[in-house]
Amino acid sequence: MKIVLITAAVIVALGAALKIVAMIIEQNSLYRPSRAVSAEPGSVGISYEAVSFTTSDGETLHGWFVPASGVGITVLYCHGNAGSIGDRLHRVRFFHQAGMNLFLFDYRGYGESAGVPSESGLYADAVAAYDVLVSRRDINPRRIIAYGRSLGGPVAAELARRRNVRALILESSFVSVPLRAQRRFPLLPMKLLLSQHYDAASKLRGIRIPKLIVHGKQDEVISFEDGQKLYECAAGPKQFLSFEGGHHDEQFPTSPEYGERLKEFMLFRQKRAGDEQTQ
């Protein structure tokens, strides 16, 4: 009996230790924020408005509203897990040149935004960004596109579940955190050990607005198969766009062909009946 109790205690202790280690790895690998905002749109000659806003749980966030005269579309951009909005000026330039308004914000714990990042927190951040955006008189709330890159993919997808957006774009994103972790640690029950899931695939199954899934064929961080799986899981209408490049190829919007395909989708010229894959 004593041996049984000792064995049980050891198993419980090991389980608790594994849980703690998994949480530490999870937090450090999911979030790599920078507190520095290294540059701003004015440094590349683009006018913008610095915006501070508050989430439902009281965190103060920082973002940029970049207006553009043109097509009347506004992109709400959810960035990836590293750096800050100061590292995304090429995105600002791309959307500005396309004539689209852009709202780019930092999650809690990133850049000038207060707080500590978490899955529920990032979802709340995106909702707060949307709410402050639709309160503006200079945008059309019926022409907002949620755009999420990498970790921002499931964040944008969750936003599309909670708020009315015209379309959704997921770029270089993943199926779910547990699946990525299970591939890395195949002998451990990662789904049970992890507290944060960012399950983009399950979110996409219930979203009926137009969706564009974008992924690089040579992505060395999140496999191209993840992008294909997200497309398969997504409810229609949907499109898939692949490009030559890897996960860190942040400059790929400079490709004329890629840029035109992206703008074609965002201008709502996509086929309404049926789905489409574009290579």
Protein backbone atom coordinates (compact mmCIF):
# COMPACT_ATOMS: atom_id res chain seq x y z
CA MET A 1 0.00 0.00 0.00
CA LYS A 2 2.82 2.35 0.91
CA ILE A 3 4.54 1.68 -2.41
CA VAL A 4 1.31 2.46 -4.26
CA LEU A 5 0.93 5.77 -2.43
CA ILE A 6 4.54 6.72 -3.10
CA THR A 7 4.16 5.83 -6.78
CA ALA A 8 0.99 7.86 -7.02
CA ALA A 9 2.67 10.83 -5.34
CA VAL A 10 5.61 10.62 -7.73
CA ILE A 11 3.28 10.50 -10.74
CA VAL A 12 1.34 13.52 -9.48
CA ALA A 13 4.59 15.42 -8.81
CA LEU A 14 5.93 14.59 -12.27
CA GLY A 15 2.66 15.65 -13.83
CA ALA A 16 2.74 18.96 -11.98
CA ALA A 17 6.37 19.52 -12.95
CA LEU A 18 5.59 18.77 -16.59
CA LYS A 19 2.68 21.21 -16.45
CA ILE A 20 4.89 23.97 -15.07
CA VAL A 21 7.62 23.33 -17.64
CA ALA A 22 5.05 23.26 -20.45
CA MET A 23 3.59 26.59 -19.30
CA ILE A 24 7.04 28.22 -19.20
CA ILE A 25 7.90 26.92 -22.68
CA GLU A 26 4.47 27.94 -23.90
CA GLN A 27 4.74 31.52 -22.65
CA ASN A 28 8.29 32.02 -23.90
CA SER A 29 7.66 30.53 -27.35
CA LEU A 30 4.25 32.10 -27.98
CA TYR A 31 5.11 35.67 -27.05
CA ARG A 32 8.28 37.52 -27.99
CA PRO A 33 7.32 41.15 -27.55
CA SER A 34 9.50 44.20 -27.90
CA ARG A 35 8.81 47.24 -25.79
CA ALA A 36 10.59 49.41 -28.34
CA VAL A 37 8.63 51.00 -31.17
CA SER A 38 11.60 51.49 -33.46
CA ALA A 39 9.89 53.61 -36.11
CA GLU A 40 6.55 55.20 -36.96
CA PRO A 41 4.71 55.92 -40.24
CA GLY A 42 5.77 59.57 -40.26
CA SER A 43 9.37 58.44 -40.74
CA VAL A 44 8.43 57.14 -44.19
CA GLY A 45 6.27 60.12 -45.05
CA ILE A 46 2.86 58.65 -44.20
CA SER A 47 0.40 60.58 -42.03
CA TYR A 48 -1.10 58.71 -39.11
CA GLU A 49 -2.87 59.12 -35.80
CA ALA A 50 -1.56 57.56 -32.59
CA VAL A 51 -4.49 55.95 -30.77
CA SER A 52 -4.76 54.86 -27.13
CA PHE A 53 -7.73 52.73 -26.11
CA THR A 54 -8.86 50.52 -23.25
CA THR A 55 -9.86 46.86 -23.25
CA SER A 56 -12.84 45.37 -21.44
CA ASP A 57 -10.53 44.23 -18.61
CA GLY A 58 -8.90 47.62 -18.19
CA GLU A 59 -5.64 47.37 -20.14
CA THR A 60 -4.51 50.44 -22.10
CA LEU A 61 -3.33 49.64 -25.61
CA HIS A 62 -1.54 51.64 -28.27
CA GLY A 63 -2.06 51.64 -32.02
CA TRP A 64 -1.90 53.64 -35.23
CA PHE A 65 -4.75 54.66 -37.46
CA VAL A 66 -3.38 55.30 -40.94
CA PRO A 67 -5.96 56.94 -43.21
CA ALA A 68 -5.91 56.60 -46.98
CA SER A 69 -7.95 58.29 -49.65
CA GLY A 70 -9.24 55.65 -51.99
CA VAL A 71 -11.48 52.62 -51.82
CA GLY A 72 -13.11 53.11 -48.40
CA ILE A 73 -11.87 49.79 -46.99
CA THR A 74 -10.32 49.59 -43.53
CA VAL A 75 -7.91 46.80 -42.56
CA LEU A 76 -7.65 45.83 -38.90
CA TYR A 77 -4.25 44.17 -38.72
CA CYS A 78 -3.34 41.62 -36.02
CA HIS A 79 0.43 41.10 -36.13
CA GLY A 80 2.57 38.11 -35.26
CA ASN A 81 4.14 37.08 -31.95
CA ALA A 82 7.37 39.10 -32.07
CA GLY A 83 8.41 42.73 -31.98
CA SER A 84 5.93 45.59 -32.08
CA ILE A 85 4.00 47.67 -34.61
CA GLY A 86 7.23 49.61 -35.19
CA ASP A 87 8.52 46.61 -37.15
CA ARG A 88 5.60 46.65 -39.61
CA LEU A 89 6.11 49.84 -41.62
CA HIS A 90 6.25 47.86 -44.87
CA ARG A 91 2.67 46.79 -44.12
CA VAL A 92 1.69 50.40 -43.51
CA ARG A 93 3.18 51.37 -46.86
CA PHE A 94 1.49 48.49 -48.70
CA PHE A 95 -2.02 49.24 -47.48
CA HIS A 96 -1.56 53.00 -47.80
CA GLN A 97 -0.47 52.67 -51.42
CA ALA A 98 -3.46 50.41 -52.04
CA GLY A 99 -5.76 53.20 -50.84
CA MET A 100 -6.93 51.32 -47.74
CA ASN A 101 -7.23 52.67 -44.22
CA LEU A 102 -5.20 50.67 -41.70
CA PHE A 103 -5.57 50.19 -37.96
CA LEU A 104 -2.44 48.52 -36.60
CA PHE A 105 -2.21 47.96 -32.85
CA ASP A 106 0.04 46.32 -30.28
CA TYR A 107 -1.31 43.56 -28.07
CA ARG A 108 -1.00 43.86 -24.31
CA GLY A 109 2.65 43.60 -23.28
CA TYR A 110 3.87 44.69 -26.73
CA GLY A 111 5.30 48.08 -27.65
CA GLU A 112 3.61 50.84 -25.65
CA SER A 113 0.63 48.66 -24.64
CA ALA A 114 0.24 47.75 -20.97
CA GLY A 115 -0.31 44.29 -19.52
CA VAL A 116 0.92 40.74 -20.00
CA PRO A 117 -0.02 38.71 -23.12
CA SER A 118 -2.34 35.70 -22.93
CA GLU A 119 -4.75 33.99 -25.30
CA SER A 120 -7.89 35.46 -23.75
CA GLY A 121 -6.13 38.79 -23.46
CA LEU A 122 -5.18 38.97 -27.14
CA TYR A 123 -8.75 38.13 -28.14
CA ALA A 124 -9.99 40.96 -25.91
CA ASP A 125 -7.39 43.30 -27.42
CA ALA A 126 -8.61 42.67 -30.96
CA VAL A 127 -12.23 43.21 -29.94
CA ALA A 128 -11.30 46.49 -28.24
CA ALA A 129 -9.42 47.58 -31.37
CA TYR A 130 -12.47 46.81 -33.49
CA ASP A 131 -14.80 48.67 -31.13
CA VAL A 132 -12.67 51.81 -31.12
CA LEU A 133 -12.38 51.59 -34.88
CA VAL A 134 -16.13 51.43 -35.55
CA SER A 135 -16.67 54.41 -33.24
CA ARG A 136 -14.86 56.61 -35.75
CA ARG A 137 -16.86 58.77 -38.14
CA ASP A 138 -14.24 58.55 -40.89
CA ILE A 139 -14.60 54.83 -41.66
CA ASN A 140 -17.36 52.61 -42.99
CA PRO A 141 -17.99 49.93 -40.32
CA ARG A 142 -19.41 47.62 -43.00
CA ARG A 143 -16.11 47.60 -44.91
CA ILE A 144 -13.68 46.35 -42.27
CA ILE A 145 -11.38 43.42 -43.06
CA ALA A 146 -9.76 41.44 -40.23
CA TYR A 147 -6.20 40.50 -41.23
CA GLY A 148 -4.10 38.20 -39.02
CA ARG A 149 -0.53 37.10 -39.61
CA SER A 150 1.03 34.08 -37.85
CA LEU A 151 -0.12 34.28 -34.20
CA GLY A 152 -2.46 37.04 -35.34
CA GLY A 153 -4.34 34.50 -37.47
CA PRO A 154 -6.40 32.89 -34.69
CA VAL A 155 -6.76 36.33 -33.07
CA ALA A 156 -8.32 37.74 -36.25
CA ALA A 157 -10.46 34.61 -36.62
CA GLU A 158 -11.79 34.98 -33.08
CA LEU A 159 -12.55 38.63 -33.81
CA ALA A 160 -14.55 37.54 -36.87
CA ARG A 161 -16.59 35.27 -34.57
CA ARG A 162 -17.36 38.06 -32.09
CA ARG A 163 -17.79 41.08 -34.35
CA ASN A 164 -19.11 41.84 -37.84
CA VAL A 165 -16.27 42.09 -40.34
CA ARG A 166 -16.63 42.04 -44.11
CA ALA A 167 -13.86 39.51 -44.78
CA LEU A 168 -11.06 37.60 -43.04
CA ILE A 169 -7.45 36.99 -44.09
CA LEU A 170 -5.10 34.55 -42.35
CA GLU A 171 -1.51 34.72 -43.48
CA SER A 172 1.29 32.31 -42.52
CA SER A 173 -0.81 31.01 -39.65
CA PHE A 174 -1.17 27.63 -37.94
CA VAL A 175 -3.85 25.06 -37.18
CA SER A 176 -3.49 25.20 -33.37
CA VAL A 177 -0.83 25.51 -30.68
CA PRO A 178 -1.37 21.95 -29.30
CA LEU A 179 -0.86 20.48 -32.76
CA ARG A 180 2.39 22.40 -33.22
CA ALA A 181 3.56 21.32 -29.75
CA GLN A 182 2.59 17.68 -30.36
CA ARG A 183 4.72 17.61 -33.49
CA ARG A 184 7.67 18.88 -31.46
CA PHE A 185 7.10 16.63 -28.43
CA PRO A 186 5.31 13.57 -29.84
CA LEU A 187 5.62 11.49 -26.65
CA LEU A 188 3.98 14.02 -24.34
CA PRO A 189 0.22 14.72 -23.95
CA MET A 190 0.63 18.35 -25.02
CA LYS A 191 -3.10 19.05 -25.35
CA LEU A 192 -3.50 18.29 -21.65
CA LEU A 193 -0.40 20.20 -20.60
CA LEU A 194 -1.00 23.46 -22.49
CA SER A 195 -3.25 26.23 -21.25
CA GLN A 196 -3.33 28.25 -24.48
CA HIS A 197 -4.61 26.77 -27.71
CA TYR A 198 -5.23 29.40 -30.41
CA ASP A 199 -7.23 26.84 -32.37
CA ALA A 200 -7.63 28.65 -35.69
CA ALA A 201 -8.97 25.61 -37.53
CA SER A 202 -12.00 25.16 -35.27
CA LYS A 203 -12.80 28.87 -35.48
CA LEU A 204 -12.75 28.85 -39.27
CA ARG A 205 -15.36 26.09 -39.46
CA GLY A 206 -18.08 28.42 -38.24
CA ILE A 207 -17.18 31.66 -40.03
CA ARG A 208 -19.26 32.25 -43.16
CA ILE A 209 -17.79 35.52 -44.44
CA PRO A 210 -15.30 35.48 -47.37
CA LYS A 211 -11.91 34.16 -46.27
CA LEU A 212 -8.45 34.19 -47.81
CA ILE A 213 -5.81 31.78 -46.47
CA VAL A 214 -2.27 32.80 -47.47
CA HIS A 215 0.90 30.77 -46.94
CA GLY A 216 4.50 30.59 -48.14
CA LYS A 217 5.63 27.38 -49.80
CA GLN A 218 9.02 27.50 -48.07
CA ASP A 219 7.78 28.54 -44.61
CA GLU A 220 10.41 27.27 -42.18
CA VAL A 221 8.49 28.16 -39.01
CA ILE A 222 4.88 27.19 -39.74
CA SER A 223 4.59 24.49 -42.37
CA PHE A 224 2.87 25.05 -45.70
CA GLU A 225 0.67 22.10 -44.74
CA ASP A 226 -0.76 24.18 -41.90
CA GLY A 227 -2.00 26.72 -44.42
CA GLN A 228 -3.51 23.97 -46.56
CA LYS A 229 -5.19 22.42 -43.52
CA LEU A 230 -6.66 25.77 -42.50
CA TYR A 231 -8.11 26.13 -45.99
CA GLU A 232 -9.61 22.64 -45.80
CA CYS A 233 -11.18 23.35 -42.40
CA ALA A 234 -12.58 26.74 -43.34
CA ALA A 235 -16.22 27.11 -44.25
CA GLY A 236 -16.91 28.75 -47.59
CA PRO A 237 -16.63 31.11 -49.29
CA LYS A 238 -12.86 30.81 -49.22
CA GLN A 239 -9.72 31.15 -51.30
CA PHE A 240 -6.15 29.94 -50.91
CA LEU A 241 -3.14 31.94 -52.04
CA SER A 242 0.38 30.54 -51.93
CA PHE A 243 3.61 32.42 -52.57
CA GLU A 244 7.29 31.65 -52.95
CA GLY A 245 8.94 32.41 -49.63
CA GLY A 246 9.30 31.57 -45.96
CA HIS A 247 7.81 32.72 -42.69
CA HIS A 248 10.14 35.64 -42.17
CA ASP A 249 9.70 37.03 -45.68
CA GLU A 250 7.87 40.10 -44.38
CA GLN A 251 8.64 41.98 -47.59
CA PHE A 252 6.67 39.73 -49.93
CA PRO A 253 3.86 42.25 -50.51
CA THR A 254 6.35 44.02 -52.79
CA SER A 255 5.79 41.17 -55.27
CA PRO A 256 3.45 42.66 -57.91
CA GLU A 257 1.60 39.39 -58.50
CA TYR A 258 1.09 38.72 -54.79
CA GLY A 259 0.05 42.29 -54.11
CA GLU A 260 -2.49 42.28 -56.92
CA ARG A 261 -4.06 39.01 -55.76
CA LEU A 262 -4.29 40.30 -52.22
CA LYS A 263 -5.86 43.57 -53.29
CA GLU A 264 -8.26 41.72 -55.57
CA PHE A 265 -9.60 39.83 -52.60
CA MET A 266 -9.77 42.86 -50.32
CA LEU A 267 -11.63 44.86 -52.95
CA PHE A 268 -14.31 42.15 -52.88
CA ARG A 269 -13.76 41.06 -56.44
CA GLN A 270 -13.47 37.41 -55.44
CA LYS A 271 -15.83 34.83 -56.84
CA ARG A 272 -18.94 34.64 -54.66
CA ALA A 273 -20.16 31.22 -55.75
CA GLY A 274 -17.86 28.36 -54.82
CA ASP A 275 -14.31 28.20 -53.57
CA GLU A 276 -11.02 28.78 -55.32
CA GLN A 277 -7.38 27.91 -54.92
CA THR A 278 -4.65 30.09 -56.39
CA GLN A 279 -1.07 28.92 -56.66
